[in-house]
Amino acid sequence: IDIMLQQEGKDQTDSAAAKLVELLKAHKGTLPIGDKSSPEEIATLTGLSKKNFKRAVGALYKQRLVTVGEGEVKLN
């Protein structure tokens, strides 16, 4: 029996994306982390793994909700 405490696939990405939007709103629209940030830095700031962070940012970018810059993510 396999038991997972996390959501899978698209549900996990959607949940992480929603969490990022809330964090961005709480931080005046900008988070000082990006693709090259360390996994520890991302986890400390967002509570997400680097993999889930990148998936969430990608999903938000495709929806044109965020802009990705050098070392930062900005809410549009």
PDB file of N, CA and C in Angstrom:
ATOM      1  N   ILE A   1       0.854  -1.178   0.000  1.00  0.00           N
ATOM      2  CA  ILE A   1       0.000   0.000   0.000  1.00  0.00           C
ATOM      3  C   ILE A   1       0.892   1.232   0.000  1.00  0.00           C
ATOM      4  N   ASP A   2       0.641   2.115  -0.965  1.00  0.00           N
ATOM      5  CA  ASP A   2       1.357   3.388  -1.031  1.00  0.00           C
ATOM      6  C   ASP A   2       0.451   4.485  -0.513  1.00  0.00           C
ATOM      7  N   ILE A   3       0.981   5.269   0.411  1.00  0.00           N
ATOM      8  CA  ILE A   3       0.218   6.385   0.970  1.00  0.00           C
ATOM      9  C   ILE A   3       1.009   7.654   0.728  1.00  0.00           C
ATOM     10  N   MET A   4       0.354   8.634   0.116  1.00  0.00           N
ATOM     11  CA  MET A   4       0.990   9.928  -0.131  1.00  0.00           C
ATOM     12  C   MET A   4       0.212  11.014   0.593  1.00  0.00           C
ATOM     13  N   LEU A   5       0.937  11.930   1.187  1.00  0.00           N
ATOM     14  CA  LEU A   5       0.309  13.051   1.871  1.00  0.00           C
ATOM     15  C   LEU A   5       0.252  14.292   0.994  1.00  0.00           C
ATOM     16  N   GLN A   6       0.718  14.158  -0.240  1.00  0.00           N
ATOM     17  CA  GLN A   6       0.703  15.268  -1.175  1.00  0.00           C
ATOM     18  C   GLN A   6      -0.292  15.004  -2.291  1.00  0.00           C
ATOM     19  N   GLN A   7      -0.718  16.083  -2.912  1.00  0.00           N
ATOM     20  CA  GLN A   7      -1.552  15.941  -4.097  1.00  0.00           C
ATOM     21  C   GLN A   7      -0.652  15.523  -5.250  1.00  0.00           C
ATOM     22  N   GLU A   8      -1.250  15.069  -6.328  1.00  0.00           N
ATOM     23  CA  GLU A   8      -0.465  14.635  -7.469  1.00  0.00           C
ATOM     24  C   GLU A   8      -0.737  15.498  -8.695  1.00  0.00           C
ATOM     25  N   GLY A   9       0.247  15.523  -9.594  1.00  0.00           N
ATOM     26  CA  GLY A   9       0.092  16.124 -10.910  1.00  0.00           C
ATOM     27  C   GLY A   9      -0.411  17.547 -10.929  1.00  0.00           C
ATOM     28  N   LYS A  10      -1.427  17.770 -11.753  1.00  0.00           N
ATOM     29  CA  LYS A  10      -1.973  19.107 -11.978  1.00  0.00           C
ATOM     30  C   LYS A  10      -2.535  19.713 -10.695  1.00  0.00           C
ATOM     31  N   ASP A  11      -3.153  18.899  -9.851  1.00  0.00           N
ATOM     32  CA  ASP A  11      -3.688  19.420  -8.583  1.00  0.00           C
ATOM     33  C   ASP A  11      -2.577  19.999  -7.717  1.00  0.00           C
ATOM     34  N   GLN A  12      -1.439  19.320  -7.696  1.00  0.00           N
ATOM     35  CA  GLN A  12      -0.306  19.792  -6.912  1.00  0.00           C
ATOM     36  C   GLN A  12       0.220  21.112  -7.482  1.00  0.00           C
ATOM     37  N   THR A  13       0.334  21.197  -8.795  1.00  0.00           N
ATOM     38  CA  THR A  13       0.817  22.419  -9.441  1.00  0.00           C
ATOM     39  C   THR A  13      -0.160  23.569  -9.214  1.00  0.00           C
ATOM     40  N   ASP A  14      -1.451  23.311  -9.350  1.00  0.00           N
ATOM     41  CA  ASP A  14      -2.462  24.348  -9.124  1.00  0.00           C
ATOM     42  C   ASP A  14      -2.413  24.863  -7.692  1.00  0.00           C
ATOM     43  N   SER A  15      -2.262  23.958  -6.744  1.00  0.00           N
ATOM     44  CA  SER A  15      -2.190  24.326  -5.335  1.00  0.00           C
ATOM     45  C   SER A  15      -0.941  25.172  -5.060  1.00  0.00           C
ATOM     46  N   ALA A  16       0.195  24.763  -5.614  1.00  0.00           N
ATOM     47  CA  ALA A  16       1.437  25.508  -5.436  1.00  0.00           C
ATOM     48  C   ALA A  16       1.343  26.883  -6.096  1.00  0.00           C
ATOM     49  N   ALA A  17       0.715  26.958  -7.264  1.00  0.00           N
ATOM     50  CA  ALA A  17       0.557  28.235  -7.964  1.00  0.00           C
ATOM     51  C   ALA A  17      -0.313  29.185  -7.147  1.00  0.00           C
ATOM     52  N   ALA A  18      -1.382  28.685  -6.579  1.00  0.00           N
ATOM     53  CA  ALA A  18      -2.253  29.518  -5.741  1.00  0.00           C
ATOM     54  C   ALA A  18      -1.492  30.026  -4.518  1.00  0.00           C
ATOM     55  N   LYS A  19      -0.674  29.165  -3.932  1.00  0.00           N
ATOM     56  CA  LYS A  19       0.125  29.559  -2.769  1.00  0.00           C
ATOM     57  C   LYS A  19       1.119  30.653  -3.161  1.00  0.00           C
ATOM     58  N   LEU A  20       1.742  30.518  -4.329  1.00  0.00           N
ATOM     59  CA  LEU A  20       2.685  31.537  -4.795  1.00  0.00           C
ATOM     60  C   LEU A  20       2.009  32.885  -5.020  1.00  0.00           C
ATOM     61  N   VAL A  21       0.821  32.875  -5.597  1.00  0.00           N
ATOM     62  CA  VAL A  21       0.090  34.127  -5.817  1.00  0.00           C
ATOM     63  C   VAL A  21      -0.181  34.808  -4.477  1.00  0.00           C
ATOM     64  N   GLU A  22      -0.587  34.043  -3.485  1.00  0.00           N
ATOM     65  CA  GLU A  22      -0.838  34.619  -2.150  1.00  0.00           C
ATOM     66  C   GLU A  22       0.446  35.182  -1.544  1.00  0.00           C
ATOM     67  N   LEU A  23       1.561  34.451  -1.694  1.00  0.00           N
ATOM     68  CA  LEU A  23       2.842  34.946  -1.182  1.00  0.00           C
ATOM     69  C   LEU A  23       3.271  36.214  -1.903  1.00  0.00           C
ATOM     70  N   LEU A  24       3.074  36.252  -3.213  1.00  0.00           N
ATOM     71  CA  LEU A  24       3.418  37.445  -3.977  1.00  0.00           C
ATOM     72  C   LEU A  24       2.597  38.645  -3.515  1.00  0.00           C
ATOM     73  N   LYS A  25       1.315  38.444  -3.297  1.00  0.00           N
ATOM     74  CA  LYS A  25       0.461  39.539  -2.814  1.00  0.00           C
ATOM     75  C   LYS A  25       0.927  40.014  -1.440  1.00  0.00           C
ATOM     76  N   ALA A  26       1.323  39.080  -0.584  1.00  0.00           N
ATOM     77  CA  ALA A  26       1.778  39.430   0.761  1.00  0.00           C
ATOM     78  C   ALA A  26       3.124  40.144   0.751  1.00  0.00           C
ATOM     79  N   HIS A  27       3.921  39.955  -0.301  1.00  0.00           N
ATOM     80  CA  HIS A  27       5.239  40.575  -0.411  1.00  0.00           C
ATOM     81  C   HIS A  27       5.262  41.690  -1.457  1.00  0.00           C
ATOM     82  N   LYS A  28       4.167  42.409  -1.575  1.00  0.00           N
ATOM     83  CA  LYS A  28       4.053  43.565  -2.473  1.00  0.00           C
ATOM     84  C   LYS A  28       4.348  43.220  -3.932  1.00  0.00           C
ATOM     85  N   GLY A  29       4.011  41.988  -4.331  1.00  0.00           N
ATOM     86  CA  GLY A  29       4.095  41.598  -5.732  1.00  0.00           C
ATOM     87  C   GLY A  29       5.425  41.058  -6.212  1.00  0.00           C
ATOM     88  N   THR A  30       6.414  40.935  -5.333  1.00  0.00           N
ATOM     89  CA  THR A  30       7.733  40.454  -5.752  1.00  0.00           C
ATOM     90  C   THR A  30       8.307  39.482  -4.736  1.00  0.00           C
ATOM     91  N   LEU A  31       8.859  38.383  -5.241  1.00  0.00           N
ATOM     92  CA  LEU A  31       9.603  37.444  -4.401  1.00  0.00           C
ATOM     93  C   LEU A  31      11.046  37.428  -4.897  1.00  0.00           C
ATOM     94  N   PRO A  32      12.011  37.540  -3.985  1.00  0.00           N
ATOM     95  CA  PRO A  32      13.426  37.617  -4.387  1.00  0.00           C
ATOM     96  C   PRO A  32      14.054  36.242  -4.640  1.00  0.00           C
ATOM     97  N   ILE A  33      13.349  35.377  -5.342  1.00  0.00           N
ATOM     98  CA  ILE A  33      13.882  34.059  -5.675  1.00  0.00           C
ATOM     99  C   ILE A  33      13.575  33.755  -7.133  1.00  0.00           C
ATOM    100  N   GLY A  34      14.380  32.890  -7.726  1.00  0.00           N
ATOM    101  CA  GLY A  34      14.186  32.519  -9.120  1.00  0.00           C
ATOM    102  C   GLY A  34      14.702  31.122  -9.392  1.00  0.00           C
ATOM    103  N   ASP A  35      14.861  30.790 -10.659  1.00  0.00           N
ATOM    104  CA  ASP A  35      15.307  29.461 -11.067  1.00  0.00           C
ATOM    105  C   ASP A  35      16.672  29.085 -10.500  1.00  0.00           C
ATOM    106  N   LYS A  36      17.530  30.053 -10.323  1.00  0.00           N
ATOM    107  CA  LYS A  36      18.878  29.770  -9.858  1.00  0.00           C
ATOM    108  C   LYS A  36      19.021  29.828  -8.335  1.00  0.00           C
ATOM    109  N   SER A  37      17.937  30.112  -7.638  1.00  0.00           N
ATOM    110  CA  SER A  37      17.968  30.131  -6.179  1.00  0.00           C
ATOM    111  C   SER A  37      18.159  28.714  -5.656  1.00  0.00           C
ATOM    112  N   SER A  38      18.739  28.613  -4.478  1.00  0.00           N
ATOM    113  CA  SER A  38      18.987  27.294  -3.894  1.00  0.00           C
ATOM    114  C   SER A  38      17.673  26.665  -3.437  1.00  0.00           C
ATOM    115  N   PRO A  39      17.623  25.334  -3.427  1.00  0.00           N
ATOM    116  CA  PRO A  39      16.417  24.654  -2.940  1.00  0.00           C
ATOM    117  C   PRO A  39      16.058  25.055  -1.505  1.00  0.00           C
ATOM    118  N   GLU A  40      17.079  25.280  -0.683  1.00  0.00           N
ATOM    119  CA  GLU A  40      16.835  25.666   0.702  1.00  0.00           C
ATOM    120  C   GLU A  40      16.198  27.043   0.797  1.00  0.00           C
ATOM    121  N   GLU A  41      16.689  27.975  -0.016  1.00  0.00           N
ATOM    122  CA  GLU A  41      16.148  29.342  -0.034  1.00  0.00           C
ATOM    123  C   GLU A  41      14.687  29.334  -0.487  1.00  0.00           C
ATOM    124  N   ILE A  42      14.392  28.556  -1.517  1.00  0.00           N
ATOM    125  CA  ILE A  42      13.024  28.447  -2.026  1.00  0.00           C
ATOM    126  C   ILE A  42      12.113  27.828  -0.977  1.00  0.00           C
ATOM    127  N   ALA A  43      12.576  26.750  -0.350  1.00  0.00           N
ATOM    128  CA  ALA A  43      11.768  26.079   0.671  1.00  0.00           C
ATOM    129  C   ALA A  43      11.519  26.979   1.875  1.00  0.00           C
ATOM    130  N   THR A  44      12.531  27.740   2.282  1.00  0.00           N
ATOM    131  CA  THR A  44      12.378  28.646   3.424  1.00  0.00           C
ATOM    132  C   THR A  44      11.348  29.726   3.148  1.00  0.00           C
ATOM    133  N   LEU A  45      11.402  30.306   1.968  1.00  0.00           N
ATOM    134  CA  LEU A  45      10.511  31.419   1.631  1.00  0.00           C
ATOM    135  C   LEU A  45       9.102  30.973   1.254  1.00  0.00           C
ATOM    136  N   THR A  46       8.993  29.836   0.546  1.00  0.00           N
ATOM    137  CA  THR A  46       7.692  29.436   0.010  1.00  0.00           C
ATOM    138  C   THR A  46       7.098  28.182   0.652  1.00  0.00           C
ATOM    139  N   GLY A  47       7.944  27.351   1.245  1.00  0.00           N
ATOM    140  CA  GLY A  47       7.465  26.076   1.768  1.00  0.00           C
ATOM    141  C   GLY A  47       7.310  25.024   0.683  1.00  0.00           C
ATOM    142  N   LEU A  48       7.808  25.323  -0.529  1.00  0.00           N
ATOM    143  CA  LEU A  48       7.702  24.408  -1.664  1.00  0.00           C
ATOM    144  C   LEU A  48       9.076  23.852  -2.008  1.00  0.00           C
ATOM    145  N   SER A  49       9.095  22.684  -2.611  1.00  0.00           N
ATOM    146  CA  SER A  49      10.350  22.169  -3.146  1.00  0.00           C
ATOM    147  C   SER A  49      10.703  22.989  -4.382  1.00  0.00           C
ATOM    148  N   LYS A  50      11.964  22.942  -4.785  1.00  0.00           N
ATOM    149  CA  LYS A  50      12.381  23.704  -5.962  1.00  0.00           C
ATOM    150  C   LYS A  50      11.625  23.225  -7.200  1.00  0.00           C
ATOM    151  N   LYS A  51      11.417  21.921  -7.307  1.00  0.00           N
ATOM    152  CA  LYS A  51      10.692  21.343  -8.443  1.00  0.00           C
ATOM    153  C   LYS A  51       9.264  21.888  -8.503  1.00  0.00           C
ATOM    154  N   ASN A  52       8.568  21.874  -7.384  1.00  0.00           N
ATOM    155  CA  ASN A  52       7.192  22.373  -7.357  1.00  0.00           C
ATOM    156  C   ASN A  52       7.135  23.882  -7.558  1.00  0.00           C
ATOM    157  N   PHE A  53       8.128  24.595  -7.043  1.00  0.00           N
ATOM    158  CA  PHE A  53       8.207  26.038  -7.257  1.00  0.00           C
ATOM    159  C   PHE A  53       8.323  26.345  -8.746  1.00  0.00           C
ATOM    160  N   LYS A  54       9.236  25.646  -9.431  1.00  0.00           N
ATOM    161  CA  LYS A  54       9.442  25.893 -10.857  1.00  0.00           C
ATOM    162  C   LYS A  54       8.204  25.534 -11.669  1.00  0.00           C
ATOM    163  N   ARG A  55       7.527  24.464 -11.298  1.00  0.00           N
ATOM    164  CA  ARG A  55       6.285  24.094 -11.997  1.00  0.00           C
ATOM    165  C   ARG A  55       5.217  25.162 -11.801  1.00  0.00           C
ATOM    166  N   ALA A  56       5.086  25.644 -10.566  1.00  0.00           N
ATOM    167  CA  ALA A  56       4.074  26.661 -10.260  1.00  0.00           C
ATOM    168  C   ALA A  56       4.369  27.964 -10.984  1.00  0.00           C
ATOM    169  N   VAL A  57       5.635  28.389 -10.982  1.00  0.00           N
ATOM    170  CA  VAL A  57       6.011  29.613 -11.681  1.00  0.00           C
ATOM    171  C   VAL A  57       5.750  29.456 -13.176  1.00  0.00           C
ATOM    172  N   GLY A  58       6.067  28.292 -13.723  1.00  0.00           N
ATOM    173  CA  GLY A  58       5.812  28.032 -15.140  1.00  0.00           C
ATOM    174  C   GLY A  58       4.338  28.127 -15.483  1.00  0.00           C
ATOM    175  N   ALA A  59       3.497  27.556 -14.619  1.00  0.00           N
ATOM    176  CA  ALA A  59       2.050  27.606 -14.856  1.00  0.00           C
ATOM    177  C   ALA A  59       1.543  29.045 -14.789  1.00  0.00           C
ATOM    178  N   LEU A  60       2.013  29.807 -13.815  1.00  0.00           N
ATOM    179  CA  LEU A  60       1.598  31.205 -13.682  1.00  0.00           C
ATOM    180  C   LEU A  60       2.128  32.047 -14.846  1.00  0.00           C
ATOM    181  N   TYR A  61       3.331  31.739 -15.314  1.00  0.00           N
ATOM    182  CA  TYR A  61       3.909  32.448 -16.447  1.00  0.00           C
ATOM    183  C   TYR A  61       3.092  32.204 -17.714  1.00  0.00           C
ATOM    184  N   LYS A  62       2.677  30.963 -17.932  1.00  0.00           N
ATOM    185  CA  LYS A  62       1.858  30.634 -19.102  1.00  0.00           C
ATOM    186  C   LYS A  62       0.518  31.368 -19.067  1.00  0.00           C
ATOM    187  N   GLN A  63      -0.002  31.599 -17.858  1.00  0.00           N
ATOM    188  CA  GLN A  63      -1.261  32.330 -17.699  1.00  0.00           C
ATOM    189  C   GLN A  63      -1.031  33.840 -17.709  1.00  0.00           C
ATOM    190  N   ARG A  64       0.214  34.255 -17.865  1.00  0.00           N
ATOM    191  CA  ARG A  64       0.614  35.666 -17.878  1.00  0.00           C
ATOM    192  C   ARG A  64       0.278  36.393 -16.570  1.00  0.00           C
ATOM    193  N   LEU A  65       0.363  35.655 -15.472  1.00  0.00           N
ATOM    194  CA  LEU A  65       0.104  36.244 -14.162  1.00  0.00           C
ATOM    195  C   LEU A  65       1.378  36.728 -13.487  1.00  0.00           C
ATOM    196  N   VAL A  66       2.533  36.200 -13.924  1.00  0.00           N
ATOM    197  CA  VAL A  66       3.804  36.609 -13.342  1.00  0.00           C
ATOM    198  C   VAL A  66       4.820  36.892 -14.444  1.00  0.00           C
ATOM    199  N   THR A  67       5.829  37.672 -14.064  1.00  0.00           N
ATOM    200  CA  THR A  67       6.989  37.925 -14.905  1.00  0.00           C
ATOM    201  C   THR A  67       8.188  37.362 -14.162  1.00  0.00           C
ATOM    202  N   VAL A  68       9.026  36.648 -14.874  1.00  0.00           N
ATOM    203  CA  VAL A  68      10.202  36.041 -14.260  1.00  0.00           C
ATOM    204  C   VAL A  68      11.419  36.846 -14.671  1.00  0.00           C
ATOM    205  N   GLY A  69      12.128  37.364 -13.681  1.00  0.00           N
ATOM    206  CA  GLY A  69      13.332  38.133 -13.936  1.00  0.00           C
ATOM    207  C   GLY A  69      14.543  37.430 -13.358  1.00  0.00           C
ATOM    208  N   GLU A  70      15.683  38.086 -13.427  1.00  0.00           N
ATOM    209  CA  GLU A  70      16.912  37.526 -12.880  1.00  0.00           C
ATOM    210  C   GLU A  70      16.831  37.523 -11.355  1.00  0.00           C
ATOM    211  N   GLY A  71      16.584  36.357 -10.784  1.00  0.00           N
ATOM    212  CA  GLY A  71      16.541  36.219  -9.337  1.00  0.00           C
ATOM    213  C   GLY A  71      15.285  36.744  -8.679  1.00  0.00           C
ATOM    214  N   GLU A  72      14.192  36.901  -9.453  1.00  0.00           N
ATOM    215  CA  GLU A  72      12.944  37.351  -8.850  1.00  0.00           C
ATOM    216  C   GLU A  72      11.748  36.938  -9.687  1.00  0.00           C
ATOM    217  N   VAL A  73      10.623  36.894  -9.001  1.00  0.00           N
ATOM    218  CA  VAL A  73       9.329  36.615  -9.648  1.00  0.00           C
ATOM    219  C   VAL A  73       8.419  37.777  -9.278  1.00  0.00           C
ATOM    220  N   LYS A  74       7.775  38.384 -10.284  1.00  0.00           N
ATOM    221  CA  LYS A  74       6.904  39.534 -10.042  1.00  0.00           C
ATOM    222  C   LYS A  74       5.490  39.208 -10.496  1.00  0.00           C
ATOM    223  N   LEU A  75       4.537  39.646  -9.717  1.00  0.00           N
ATOM    224  CA  LEU A  75       3.117  39.516 -10.059  1.00  0.00           C
ATOM    225  C   LEU A  75       2.768  40.606 -11.061  1.00  0.00           C
ATOM    226  N   ASN A  76       2.066  40.224 -12.118  1.00  0.00           N
ATOM    227  CA  ASN A  76       1.643  41.214 -13.140  1.00  0.00           C
ATOM    228  C   ASN A  76       0.400  41.934 -12.690  1.00  0.00           C
TER     229      ASN A  76
END
